[in-house]
């Protein structure tokens, strides 16, 4: 559907002001073409503006669509070299995971997403962004104990530093969910 970018451009200014119910209607409308939707949203400016964040979260409220989008984004992460596209994908993953309805629809893609983000962490231009996505993923998976262990072992603190980054990734990777 070639109209997806046009629809999103037309709605860009009003998306942040729409109620959740209205956002879900917009999300359903553009969700019929998930690849075009993702490509359009990923070409938006970084950091994500409020309207893009709102739309990603609305898309995350539909568990079936959310699973498809997460799987597609994992594929994008695996295939793309580090850079702007990777940051856009990671930002999109964060917003999808932030949707209040995301209580477990991503379980099928969790292992692959977790592994891909860990691998990306060493390649990413913005380690902090990737780290935040991993934290969101761990919390969304309701791995509170794991998150607390990683906090106690200072794994999160190790990640952003070039000197201790490898140790932080090792601590993350050594903890199965």
N, C-alpha and C. Protein backbone atom coordinates (compact mmCIF):
# COMPACT_ATOMS: atom_id res chain seq x y z
N UNK A 1 0.86 -1.18 0.00
CA UNK A 1 0.00 0.00 0.00
C UNK A 1 0.90 1.24 0.00
N UNK A 2 0.94 1.91 -1.10
CA UNK A 2 1.81 3.08 -1.25
C UNK A 2 1.34 4.27 -0.44
N UNK A 3 0.14 4.21 0.07
CA UNK A 3 -0.42 5.34 0.81
C UNK A 3 0.05 5.41 2.27
N UNK A 4 0.72 4.36 2.78
CA UNK A 4 1.13 4.36 4.18
C UNK A 4 1.97 5.59 4.52
N UNK A 5 3.02 5.91 3.76
CA UNK A 5 3.78 7.12 4.10
C UNK A 5 2.93 8.38 4.04
N UNK A 6 2.03 8.46 3.05
CA UNK A 6 1.17 9.62 2.93
C UNK A 6 0.21 9.74 4.12
N UNK A 7 -0.34 8.61 4.54
CA UNK A 7 -1.26 8.61 5.69
C UNK A 7 -0.52 9.08 6.93
N UNK A 8 0.68 8.52 7.16
CA UNK A 8 1.45 8.90 8.35
C UNK A 8 1.87 10.35 8.30
N UNK A 9 2.26 10.84 7.13
CA UNK A 9 2.62 12.26 7.01
C UNK A 9 1.43 13.15 7.32
N UNK A 10 0.26 12.77 6.83
CA UNK A 10 -0.94 13.57 7.06
C UNK A 10 -1.32 13.59 8.55
N UNK A 11 -1.06 12.48 9.24
CA UNK A 11 -1.44 12.37 10.65
C UNK A 11 -0.34 12.80 11.62
N UNK A 12 0.85 13.05 11.09
CA UNK A 12 2.03 13.34 11.92
C UNK A 12 1.77 14.37 13.03
N UNK A 13 1.16 15.47 12.68
CA UNK A 13 1.00 16.55 13.67
C UNK A 13 -0.08 16.25 14.70
N UNK A 14 -1.06 15.41 14.35
CA UNK A 14 -2.14 15.17 15.31
C UNK A 14 -1.95 13.89 16.14
N UNK A 15 -1.02 13.01 15.77
CA UNK A 15 -0.84 11.76 16.50
C UNK A 15 -0.61 11.94 18.00
N UNK A 16 0.24 12.88 18.43
CA UNK A 16 0.47 13.01 19.87
C UNK A 16 -0.77 13.47 20.65
N UNK A 17 -1.74 14.02 19.94
CA UNK A 17 -2.93 14.55 20.61
C UNK A 17 -4.12 13.59 20.57
N UNK A 18 -3.96 12.46 19.91
CA UNK A 18 -5.06 11.50 19.81
C UNK A 18 -5.18 10.68 21.09
N UNK A 19 -6.38 10.30 21.42
CA UNK A 19 -6.62 9.42 22.57
C UNK A 19 -6.15 8.01 22.20
N UNK A 20 -5.93 7.18 23.20
CA UNK A 20 -5.46 5.82 22.96
C UNK A 20 -6.34 5.06 21.98
N UNK A 21 -7.64 5.22 22.14
CA UNK A 21 -8.58 4.52 21.26
C UNK A 21 -8.40 4.97 19.81
N UNK A 22 -8.22 6.26 19.61
CA UNK A 22 -8.03 6.78 18.26
C UNK A 22 -6.69 6.31 17.68
N UNK A 23 -5.66 6.27 18.52
CA UNK A 23 -4.36 5.78 18.07
C UNK A 23 -4.44 4.32 17.62
N UNK A 24 -5.22 3.54 18.34
CA UNK A 24 -5.37 2.14 17.98
C UNK A 24 -6.07 1.99 16.63
N UNK A 25 -7.00 2.87 16.34
CA UNK A 25 -7.67 2.85 15.03
C UNK A 25 -6.66 3.18 13.93
N UNK A 26 -5.84 4.19 14.15
CA UNK A 26 -4.80 4.55 13.18
C UNK A 26 -3.84 3.38 13.01
N UNK A 27 -3.43 2.77 14.12
CA UNK A 27 -2.51 1.64 14.07
C UNK A 27 -3.11 0.49 13.26
N UNK A 28 -4.38 0.21 13.48
CA UNK A 28 -5.03 -0.87 12.72
C UNK A 28 -5.10 -0.53 11.23
N UNK A 29 -5.36 0.71 10.94
CA UNK A 29 -5.46 1.14 9.55
C UNK A 29 -4.14 0.90 8.81
N UNK A 30 -3.05 1.33 9.40
CA UNK A 30 -1.76 1.20 8.71
C UNK A 30 -1.12 -0.16 8.92
N UNK A 31 -1.64 -0.96 9.83
CA UNK A 31 -1.05 -2.27 10.12
C UNK A 31 -1.30 -3.31 9.04
N UNK A 32 -2.17 -3.00 8.11
CA UNK A 32 -2.44 -3.95 7.03
C UNK A 32 -1.25 -4.07 6.07
N UNK A 33 -0.31 -3.20 6.21
CA UNK A 33 0.90 -3.22 5.38
C UNK A 33 2.11 -3.09 6.31
N UNK A 34 2.42 -4.12 7.12
CA UNK A 34 3.45 -3.97 8.15
C UNK A 34 4.83 -3.60 7.62
N UNK A 35 5.22 -4.15 6.48
CA UNK A 35 6.56 -3.83 5.98
C UNK A 35 6.66 -2.36 5.56
N UNK A 36 5.64 -1.87 4.85
CA UNK A 36 5.65 -0.47 4.45
C UNK A 36 5.58 0.44 5.68
N UNK A 37 4.79 0.03 6.65
CA UNK A 37 4.67 0.79 7.89
C UNK A 37 6.02 0.89 8.59
N UNK A 38 6.68 -0.24 8.76
CA UNK A 38 7.98 -0.24 9.45
C UNK A 38 8.99 0.59 8.68
N UNK A 39 9.06 0.38 7.38
CA UNK A 39 10.03 1.15 6.58
C UNK A 39 9.77 2.65 6.71
N UNK A 40 8.51 3.04 6.69
CA UNK A 40 8.16 4.46 6.81
C UNK A 40 8.56 4.99 8.18
N UNK A 41 8.20 4.25 9.23
CA UNK A 41 8.51 4.71 10.58
C UNK A 41 10.01 4.73 10.86
N UNK A 42 10.75 3.80 10.28
CA UNK A 42 12.19 3.74 10.53
C UNK A 42 12.95 4.85 9.82
N UNK A 43 12.33 5.48 8.84
CA UNK A 43 13.02 6.57 8.15
C UNK A 43 12.78 7.92 8.83
N UNK A 44 11.97 7.93 9.87
CA UNK A 44 11.70 9.17 10.60
C UNK A 44 12.96 9.62 11.33
N UNK A 45 12.96 10.86 11.74
CA UNK A 45 14.12 11.43 12.41
C UNK A 45 14.36 10.76 13.77
N UNK A 46 15.62 10.69 14.12
CA UNK A 46 16.00 10.21 15.46
C UNK A 46 16.46 11.40 16.27
N UNK A 47 16.24 11.45 17.55
CA UNK A 47 15.42 10.48 18.28
C UNK A 47 13.97 10.56 17.83
N UNK A 48 13.24 9.50 18.12
CA UNK A 48 11.85 9.45 17.70
C UNK A 48 11.07 10.63 18.26
N UNK A 49 10.23 11.21 17.43
CA UNK A 49 9.39 12.30 17.92
C UNK A 49 8.18 11.71 18.65
N UNK A 50 7.43 12.56 19.30
CA UNK A 50 6.30 12.09 20.11
C UNK A 50 5.28 11.32 19.29
N UNK A 51 5.04 11.77 18.06
CA UNK A 51 4.03 11.09 17.25
C UNK A 51 4.49 9.69 16.85
N UNK A 52 5.76 9.54 16.52
CA UNK A 52 6.27 8.21 16.17
C UNK A 52 6.23 7.29 17.38
N UNK A 53 6.62 7.80 18.55
CA UNK A 53 6.57 7.01 19.78
C UNK A 53 5.14 6.57 20.07
N UNK A 54 4.21 7.49 19.92
CA UNK A 54 2.80 7.18 20.18
C UNK A 54 2.30 6.09 19.23
N UNK A 55 2.69 6.17 17.98
CA UNK A 55 2.23 5.16 17.02
C UNK A 55 2.86 3.80 17.30
N UNK A 56 4.17 3.76 17.61
CA UNK A 56 4.80 2.48 17.95
C UNK A 56 4.11 1.85 19.15
N UNK A 57 3.79 2.65 20.15
CA UNK A 57 3.12 2.11 21.35
C UNK A 57 1.71 1.62 21.00
N UNK A 58 1.01 2.35 20.14
CA UNK A 58 -0.31 1.90 19.72
C UNK A 58 -0.20 0.58 18.96
N UNK A 59 0.80 0.45 18.14
CA UNK A 59 1.02 -0.81 17.42
C UNK A 59 1.33 -1.94 18.40
N UNK A 60 2.04 -1.61 19.47
CA UNK A 60 2.37 -2.60 20.49
C UNK A 60 1.17 -3.07 21.28
N UNK A 61 0.07 -2.36 21.20
CA UNK A 61 -1.12 -2.74 21.96
C UNK A 61 -1.88 -3.91 21.31
N UNK A 62 -1.55 -4.23 20.08
CA UNK A 62 -2.16 -5.37 19.39
C UNK A 62 -1.15 -6.51 19.44
N UNK A 63 -1.41 -7.53 20.26
CA UNK A 63 -0.40 -8.56 20.50
C UNK A 63 -0.02 -9.34 19.25
N UNK A 64 -0.97 -9.65 18.40
CA UNK A 64 -0.66 -10.40 17.18
C UNK A 64 0.22 -9.57 16.24
N UNK A 65 -0.16 -8.34 16.03
CA UNK A 65 0.63 -7.44 15.19
C UNK A 65 1.99 -7.17 15.82
N UNK A 66 2.00 -6.98 17.12
CA UNK A 66 3.24 -6.70 17.84
C UNK A 66 4.25 -7.83 17.65
N UNK A 67 3.79 -9.07 17.73
CA UNK A 67 4.69 -10.22 17.51
C UNK A 67 5.30 -10.16 16.12
N UNK A 68 4.45 -9.88 15.12
CA UNK A 68 4.94 -9.79 13.74
C UNK A 68 5.97 -8.66 13.60
N UNK A 69 5.64 -7.51 14.18
CA UNK A 69 6.54 -6.36 14.08
C UNK A 69 7.87 -6.64 14.77
N UNK A 70 7.81 -7.24 15.96
CA UNK A 70 9.05 -7.56 16.68
C UNK A 70 9.89 -8.55 15.89
N UNK A 71 9.26 -9.56 15.31
CA UNK A 71 10.00 -10.54 14.51
C UNK A 71 10.65 -9.85 13.30
N UNK A 72 9.90 -8.97 12.66
CA UNK A 72 10.44 -8.24 11.50
C UNK A 72 11.61 -7.34 11.93
N UNK A 73 11.46 -6.66 13.07
CA UNK A 73 12.52 -5.78 13.56
C UNK A 73 13.76 -6.57 13.96
N UNK A 74 13.58 -7.77 14.52
CA UNK A 74 14.74 -8.62 14.85
C UNK A 74 15.49 -8.96 13.57
N UNK A 75 14.74 -9.27 12.52
CA UNK A 75 15.38 -9.54 11.23
C UNK A 75 16.14 -8.34 10.72
N UNK A 76 15.56 -7.17 10.88
CA UNK A 76 16.23 -5.92 10.46
C UNK A 76 17.51 -5.72 11.26
N UNK A 77 17.43 -5.96 12.58
CA UNK A 77 18.61 -5.79 13.44
C UNK A 77 19.71 -6.75 13.04
N UNK A 78 19.34 -7.98 12.74
CA UNK A 78 20.33 -8.99 12.37
C UNK A 78 21.00 -8.67 11.05
N UNK A 79 20.25 -8.06 10.14
CA UNK A 79 20.75 -7.83 8.78
C UNK A 79 21.47 -6.50 8.59
N UNK A 80 21.17 -5.51 9.42
CA UNK A 80 21.71 -4.19 9.14
C UNK A 80 23.02 -3.95 9.89
N UNK A 81 23.95 -3.25 9.23
CA UNK A 81 25.18 -2.88 9.92
C UNK A 81 24.89 -1.81 10.97
N UNK A 82 25.83 -1.63 11.87
CA UNK A 82 25.65 -0.61 12.91
C UNK A 82 25.47 0.75 12.24
N UNK A 83 24.65 1.57 12.83
CA UNK A 83 24.44 2.90 12.28
C UNK A 83 23.05 3.41 12.57
N UNK A 84 22.65 4.40 11.81
CA UNK A 84 21.37 5.08 12.02
C UNK A 84 20.18 4.12 11.96
N UNK A 85 20.19 3.21 11.00
CA UNK A 85 19.09 2.25 10.86
C UNK A 85 18.97 1.37 12.12
N UNK A 86 20.10 0.95 12.65
CA UNK A 86 20.10 0.12 13.85
C UNK A 86 19.52 0.89 15.03
N UNK A 87 19.90 2.14 15.18
CA UNK A 87 19.35 2.96 16.27
C UNK A 87 17.85 3.15 16.12
N UNK A 88 17.39 3.31 14.89
CA UNK A 88 15.95 3.47 14.65
C UNK A 88 15.22 2.18 15.03
N UNK A 89 15.78 1.03 14.67
CA UNK A 89 15.15 -0.25 15.00
C UNK A 89 15.12 -0.44 16.51
N UNK A 90 16.22 -0.14 17.18
CA UNK A 90 16.29 -0.30 18.64
C UNK A 90 15.28 0.63 19.32
N UNK A 91 15.16 1.84 18.83
CA UNK A 91 14.17 2.78 19.38
C UNK A 91 12.75 2.24 19.18
N UNK A 92 12.49 1.66 18.02
CA UNK A 92 11.17 1.09 17.74
C UNK A 92 10.89 -0.08 18.68
N UNK A 93 11.88 -0.94 18.90
CA UNK A 93 11.70 -2.07 19.82
C UNK A 93 11.36 -1.55 21.22
N UNK A 94 12.09 -0.53 21.67
CA UNK A 94 11.82 0.04 22.99
C UNK A 94 10.38 0.53 23.10
N UNK A 95 9.91 1.22 22.09
CA UNK A 95 8.54 1.76 22.12
C UNK A 95 7.50 0.64 22.07
N UNK A 96 7.74 -0.38 21.26
CA UNK A 96 6.81 -1.51 21.22
C UNK A 96 6.72 -2.18 22.59
N UNK A 97 7.87 -2.35 23.23
CA UNK A 97 7.91 -2.99 24.54
C UNK A 97 7.28 -2.12 25.63
N UNK A 98 7.21 -0.82 25.40
CA UNK A 98 6.65 0.09 26.40
C UNK A 98 5.13 0.12 26.38
N UNK A 99 4.52 -0.51 25.39
CA UNK A 99 3.06 -0.54 25.33
C UNK A 99 2.52 -1.27 26.55
N UNK A 100 1.55 -0.68 27.24
CA UNK A 100 1.02 -1.30 28.46
C UNK A 100 0.48 -2.71 28.25
N UNK A 101 -0.01 -3.01 27.07
CA UNK A 101 -0.61 -4.32 26.80
C UNK A 101 0.43 -5.40 26.51
N UNK A 102 1.70 -5.04 26.46
CA UNK A 102 2.76 -5.98 26.12
C UNK A 102 3.11 -6.87 27.31
N UNK A 103 2.27 -7.78 27.66
CA UNK A 103 2.53 -8.62 28.82
C UNK A 103 3.14 -9.96 28.46
N UNK A 104 3.37 -10.25 27.23
CA UNK A 104 3.93 -11.54 26.89
C UNK A 104 3.77 -11.93 25.44
N UNK A 105 3.21 -11.08 24.60
CA UNK A 105 3.04 -11.47 23.20
C UNK A 105 4.37 -11.68 22.48
N UNK A 106 5.43 -11.15 23.04
CA UNK A 106 6.72 -11.25 22.37
C UNK A 106 7.51 -12.47 22.82
N UNK A 107 6.92 -13.37 23.62
CA UNK A 107 7.65 -14.51 24.15
C UNK A 107 8.31 -15.35 23.07
N UNK A 108 7.67 -15.48 21.93
CA UNK A 108 8.24 -16.28 20.85
C UNK A 108 9.51 -15.66 20.29
N UNK A 109 9.60 -14.35 20.29
CA UNK A 109 10.79 -13.71 19.73
C UNK A 109 11.79 -13.29 20.81
N UNK A 110 11.44 -13.49 22.09
CA UNK A 110 12.31 -13.04 23.18
C UNK A 110 13.74 -13.58 23.06
N UNK A 111 13.95 -14.90 22.93
CA UNK A 111 15.34 -15.39 22.89
C UNK A 111 16.14 -14.80 21.73
N UNK A 112 15.53 -14.74 20.57
CA UNK A 112 16.23 -14.19 19.40
C UNK A 112 16.48 -12.69 19.57
N UNK A 113 15.49 -11.97 20.09
CA UNK A 113 15.64 -10.53 20.29
C UNK A 113 16.72 -10.25 21.33
N UNK A 114 16.71 -10.99 22.43
CA UNK A 114 17.70 -10.80 23.48
C UNK A 114 19.11 -11.05 22.93
N UNK A 115 19.28 -12.17 22.22
CA UNK A 115 20.58 -12.49 21.65
C UNK A 115 21.04 -11.47 20.62
N UNK A 116 20.13 -11.03 19.79
CA UNK A 116 20.46 -10.04 18.76
C UNK A 116 20.87 -8.72 19.40
N UNK A 117 20.13 -8.29 20.43
CA UNK A 117 20.49 -7.04 21.10
C UNK A 117 21.84 -7.15 21.79
N UNK A 118 22.13 -8.31 22.39
CA UNK A 118 23.44 -8.49 23.02
C UNK A 118 24.56 -8.38 21.99
N UNK A 119 24.36 -9.03 20.85
CA UNK A 119 25.37 -8.94 19.79
C UNK A 119 25.51 -7.51 19.28
N UNK A 120 24.38 -6.82 19.16
CA UNK A 120 24.38 -5.45 18.68
C UNK A 120 25.07 -4.51 19.64
N UNK A 121 25.04 -4.86 20.91
CA UNK A 121 25.60 -3.98 21.91
C UNK A 121 27.08 -3.70 21.65
N UNK A 122 27.79 -4.70 21.17
CA UNK A 122 29.20 -4.51 20.87
C UNK A 122 29.45 -3.75 19.58
N UNK A 123 28.45 -3.70 18.70
CA UNK A 123 28.61 -3.06 17.40
C UNK A 123 27.99 -1.68 17.33
N UNK A 124 27.09 -1.42 18.24
CA UNK A 124 26.27 -0.22 18.16
C UNK A 124 27.06 1.05 18.42
N UNK A 125 26.68 2.09 17.68
CA UNK A 125 27.28 3.41 17.90
C UNK A 125 26.79 4.00 19.22
N UNK A 126 25.62 3.61 19.63
CA UNK A 126 25.04 4.14 20.85
C UNK A 126 24.71 2.99 21.79
N UNK A 127 25.70 2.61 22.58
CA UNK A 127 25.57 1.48 23.49
C UNK A 127 24.45 1.74 24.49
N UNK A 128 24.32 2.98 24.93
CA UNK A 128 23.28 3.30 25.93
C UNK A 128 21.88 2.98 25.41
N UNK A 129 21.62 3.31 24.15
CA UNK A 129 20.30 3.04 23.55
C UNK A 129 20.03 1.54 23.53
N UNK A 130 21.04 0.77 23.12
CA UNK A 130 20.89 -0.68 23.09
C UNK A 130 20.70 -1.24 24.50
N UNK A 131 21.46 -0.70 25.45
CA UNK A 131 21.36 -1.13 26.83
C UNK A 131 19.94 -0.87 27.36
N UNK A 132 19.38 0.29 27.06
CA UNK A 132 18.02 0.60 27.49
C UNK A 132 17.01 -0.37 26.88
N UNK A 133 17.24 -0.77 25.63
CA UNK A 133 16.35 -1.73 24.98
C UNK A 133 16.45 -3.09 25.67
N UNK A 134 17.66 -3.51 26.03
CA UNK A 134 17.84 -4.78 26.73
C UNK A 134 17.17 -4.71 28.10
N UNK A 135 17.34 -3.60 28.81
CA UNK A 135 16.68 -3.44 30.11
C UNK A 135 15.16 -3.52 29.97
N UNK A 136 14.62 -2.84 28.97
CA UNK A 136 13.18 -2.87 28.73
C UNK A 136 12.72 -4.28 28.42
N UNK A 137 13.50 -4.99 27.65
CA UNK A 137 13.16 -6.36 27.28
C UNK A 137 13.14 -7.27 28.52
N UNK A 138 14.17 -7.14 29.35
CA UNK A 138 14.25 -7.95 30.57
C UNK A 138 13.07 -7.65 31.50
N UNK A 139 12.76 -6.37 31.67
CA UNK A 139 11.64 -6.00 32.53
C UNK A 139 10.30 -6.43 31.94
N UNK A 140 10.16 -6.30 30.62
CA UNK A 140 8.91 -6.68 29.97
C UNK A 140 8.68 -8.18 30.08
N UNK A 141 9.76 -8.93 30.07
CA UNK A 141 9.66 -10.39 30.21
C UNK A 141 9.38 -10.78 31.66
N UNK A 142 9.26 -9.76 32.50
CA UNK A 142 8.99 -9.94 33.92
C UNK A 142 10.08 -10.76 34.60
N UNK A 143 11.30 -10.51 34.17
CA UNK A 143 12.47 -11.16 34.77
C UNK A 143 13.04 -10.24 35.83
N UNK A 144 12.22 -9.92 36.81
CA UNK A 144 12.58 -8.96 37.85
C UNK A 144 13.81 -9.45 38.62
N UNK A 145 13.84 -10.74 38.94
CA UNK A 145 14.98 -11.30 39.68
C UNK A 145 16.25 -11.13 38.87
N UNK A 146 16.18 -11.44 37.57
CA UNK A 146 17.35 -11.27 36.71
C UNK A 146 17.79 -9.82 36.68
N UNK A 147 16.84 -8.92 36.52
CA UNK A 147 17.16 -7.50 36.48
C UNK A 147 17.84 -7.05 37.78
N UNK A 148 17.31 -7.52 38.90
CA UNK A 148 17.91 -7.17 40.20
C UNK A 148 19.30 -7.75 40.34
N UNK A 149 19.51 -9.00 39.87
CA UNK A 149 20.84 -9.61 39.93
C UNK A 149 21.83 -8.81 39.08
N UNK A 150 21.40 -8.42 37.90
CA UNK A 150 22.27 -7.65 37.02
C UNK A 150 22.60 -6.29 37.62
N UNK A 151 21.63 -5.72 38.32
CA UNK A 151 21.86 -4.44 39.01
C UNK A 151 22.88 -4.63 40.13
N UNK A 152 22.73 -5.69 40.93
CA UNK A 152 23.65 -5.97 42.02
C UNK A 152 25.07 -6.24 41.52
N UNK A 153 25.16 -6.94 40.40
CA UNK A 153 26.48 -7.26 39.83
C UNK A 153 27.03 -6.10 39.01
N UNK A 154 26.28 -5.02 38.96
CA UNK A 154 26.66 -3.81 38.23
C UNK A 154 26.86 -4.04 36.73
N UNK A 155 26.13 -5.03 36.19
CA UNK A 155 26.24 -5.30 34.76
C UNK A 155 25.78 -4.10 33.94
N UNK A 156 24.66 -3.47 34.37
CA UNK A 156 24.16 -2.32 33.63
C UNK A 156 25.19 -1.19 33.64
N UNK A 157 25.85 -1.01 34.77
CA UNK A 157 26.85 0.05 34.89
C UNK A 157 28.09 -0.24 34.06
N UNK A 158 28.40 -1.51 33.85
CA UNK A 158 29.59 -1.90 33.09
C UNK A 158 29.43 -1.64 31.58
N UNK A 159 28.22 -1.71 31.09
CA UNK A 159 27.99 -1.68 29.65
C UNK A 159 28.42 -0.41 28.93
N UNK A 160 28.09 0.78 29.43
CA UNK A 160 28.41 1.98 28.65
C UNK A 160 29.91 2.29 28.54
N UNK A 161 30.71 1.80 29.46
CA UNK A 161 32.13 2.11 29.48
C UNK A 161 32.91 1.22 28.50
N UNK A 162 33.76 1.81 27.70
CA UNK A 162 34.57 1.05 26.74
C UNK A 162 35.47 0.05 27.46
N UNK A 163 35.95 0.42 28.64
CA UNK A 163 36.87 -0.43 29.38
C UNK A 163 36.18 -1.66 29.97
N UNK A 164 34.93 -1.52 30.36
CA UNK A 164 34.25 -2.62 31.05
C UNK A 164 33.07 -3.19 30.25
N UNK A 165 32.91 -2.74 29.03
CA UNK A 165 31.78 -3.16 28.21
C UNK A 165 31.73 -4.68 28.04
N UNK A 166 32.85 -5.28 27.73
CA UNK A 166 32.91 -6.72 27.50
C UNK A 166 32.46 -7.48 28.74
N UNK A 167 32.87 -7.02 29.91
CA UNK A 167 32.47 -7.67 31.15
C UNK A 167 30.96 -7.54 31.37
N UNK A 168 30.41 -6.39 31.07
CA UNK A 168 28.97 -6.20 31.20
C UNK A 168 28.18 -7.13 30.28
N UNK A 169 28.62 -7.27 29.04
CA UNK A 169 27.96 -8.18 28.09
C UNK A 169 28.10 -9.62 28.58
N UNK A 170 29.27 -9.97 29.12
CA UNK A 170 29.48 -11.32 29.64
C UNK A 170 28.50 -11.60 30.77
N UNK A 171 28.32 -10.65 31.67
CA UNK A 171 27.38 -10.83 32.78
C UNK A 171 25.95 -10.99 32.27
N UNK A 172 25.58 -10.20 31.28
CA UNK A 172 24.24 -10.32 30.69
C UNK A 172 24.05 -11.68 30.02
N UNK A 173 25.03 -12.07 29.22
CA UNK A 173 24.91 -13.31 28.45
C UNK A 173 24.96 -14.55 29.36
N UNK A 174 25.58 -14.44 30.52
CA UNK A 174 25.70 -15.61 31.40
C UNK A 174 24.45 -15.86 32.21
N UNK A 175 23.46 -15.00 32.09
CA UNK A 175 22.22 -15.13 32.86
C UNK A 175 21.08 -15.54 31.96
N UNK A 176 20.78 -16.82 31.90
CA UNK A 176 19.61 -17.21 31.09
C UNK A 176 18.34 -16.70 31.73
N UNK A 177 17.40 -16.29 30.88
CA UNK A 177 16.11 -15.80 31.36
C UNK A 177 15.33 -16.92 31.93
